Amino acid sequence: MTQLTSYKATSIRCRQWQDDYVIYDQLSGDTHVLDVVSGELICALSKQTMSRAKLLALLTELCVDATESEIESYLFDFIEKFELLGLLISE
């Protein structure tokens, strides 16, 4: 049986500000400024746990002009970066 990985954001607050998102990490006190795509993803994850497939679907909606390989690469980098920052955990 294959176990599916799902992801959720840690204790963060999200605010959209002009063309960026400002993310406040309530655990560390750090503030991060993100582009719209990363901001949309992390804010969605702060509201609900999402599977990789659901994240890919959301990313596809956000990046309509991107190729499938670009979307896959973006998601891989996003997960890696935000796990390292402690803003994203996998279950």
Protein backbone atom coordinates (compact mmCIF):
# COMPACT_ATOMS: atom_id res chain seq x y z
CA MET A 1 0.00 0.00 0.00
CA THR A 2 1.35 3.40 -0.96
CA GLN A 3 1.27 6.07 1.70
CA LEU A 4 0.41 9.52 0.41
CA THR A 5 2.19 12.52 1.83
CA SER A 6 0.22 15.58 2.77
CA TYR A 7 1.49 18.99 3.77
CA LYS A 8 0.40 21.76 6.10
CA ALA A 9 1.78 25.11 7.11
CA THR A 10 2.95 25.72 10.64
CA SER A 11 1.63 28.56 12.78
CA ILE A 12 1.72 31.46 10.33
CA ARG A 13 -0.24 34.57 9.48
CA CYS A 14 -0.66 35.60 5.86
CA ARG A 15 -1.32 39.02 4.40
CA GLN A 16 -1.34 40.05 0.78
CA TRP A 17 0.33 43.39 0.24
CA GLN A 18 0.29 44.78 -3.29
CA ASP A 19 1.93 42.10 -5.51
CA ASP A 20 3.51 40.18 -2.63
CA TYR A 21 2.55 38.21 0.44
CA VAL A 22 3.92 38.88 3.89
CA ILE A 23 4.13 35.76 6.03
CA TYR A 24 4.66 36.01 9.78
CA ASP A 25 5.92 32.89 11.54
CA GLN A 26 4.28 32.97 14.97
CA LEU A 27 6.71 30.38 16.35
CA SER A 28 9.99 32.08 15.42
CA GLY A 29 8.87 35.68 14.98
CA ASP A 30 10.39 35.75 11.48
CA THR A 31 8.71 37.63 8.64
CA HIS A 32 8.99 36.53 5.02
CA VAL A 33 8.04 38.37 1.82
CA LEU A 34 6.86 36.00 -0.90
CA ASP A 35 5.81 36.26 -4.52
CA VAL A 36 2.12 35.77 -5.32
CA VAL A 37 2.41 32.09 -6.26
CA SER A 38 4.34 31.01 -3.15
CA GLY A 39 2.11 33.22 -1.04
CA GLU A 40 -1.07 31.66 -2.43
CA LEU A 41 0.29 28.15 -1.81
CA ILE A 42 1.49 28.73 1.76
CA CYS A 43 -1.67 30.63 2.71
CA ALA A 44 -3.83 27.81 1.33
CA LEU A 45 -1.76 25.37 3.41
CA SER A 46 -2.32 27.48 6.51
CA LYS A 47 -6.06 26.86 6.11
CA GLN A 48 -6.01 23.15 5.33
CA THR A 49 -3.74 20.16 4.92
CA MET A 50 -3.25 19.33 1.24
CA SER A 51 -1.94 16.36 -0.67
CA ARG A 52 0.79 16.77 -3.26
CA ALA A 53 -1.81 16.20 -5.98
CA LYS A 54 -4.00 18.97 -4.61
CA LEU A 55 -0.99 21.31 -4.41
CA LEU A 56 -0.15 20.50 -8.04
CA ALA A 57 -3.74 21.27 -9.08
CA LEU A 58 -3.67 24.62 -7.25
CA LEU A 59 -0.28 25.46 -8.72
CA THR A 60 -1.54 24.60 -12.21
CA GLU A 61 -4.42 27.07 -11.71
CA LEU A 62 -1.99 29.77 -10.56
CA CYS A 63 0.54 29.21 -13.36
CA VAL A 64 -1.59 28.67 -16.44
CA ASP A 65 1.26 29.38 -18.88
CA ALA A 66 3.77 27.04 -17.20
CA THR A 67 4.62 23.58 -18.54
CA GLU A 68 4.01 20.46 -16.49
CA SER A 69 7.74 20.05 -15.82
CA GLU A 70 8.02 23.70 -14.68
CA ILE A 71 5.11 23.20 -12.28
CA GLU A 72 6.63 19.98 -10.91
CA SER A 73 9.98 21.71 -10.44
CA TYR A 74 8.38 24.74 -8.76
CA LEU A 75 6.47 22.51 -6.32
CA PHE A 76 9.57 20.47 -5.49
CA ASP A 77 11.55 23.65 -4.76
CA PHE A 78 8.64 25.18 -2.81
CA ILE A 79 8.30 22.14 -0.53
CA GLU A 80 12.04 21.90 0.04
CA LYS A 81 12.43 25.63 0.78
CA PHE A 82 9.49 25.95 3.14
CA GLU A 83 10.31 22.76 5.03
CA LEU A 84 13.83 24.12 5.59
CA LEU A 85 12.37 27.41 6.83
CA GLY A 86 10.16 25.47 9.25
CA LEU A 87 6.98 26.88 7.69
CA LEU A 88 5.80 23.61 6.15
CA ILE A 89 5.57 20.11 7.56
CA SER A 90 4.73 16.83 5.90
CA GLU A 91 2.47 14.23 7.44
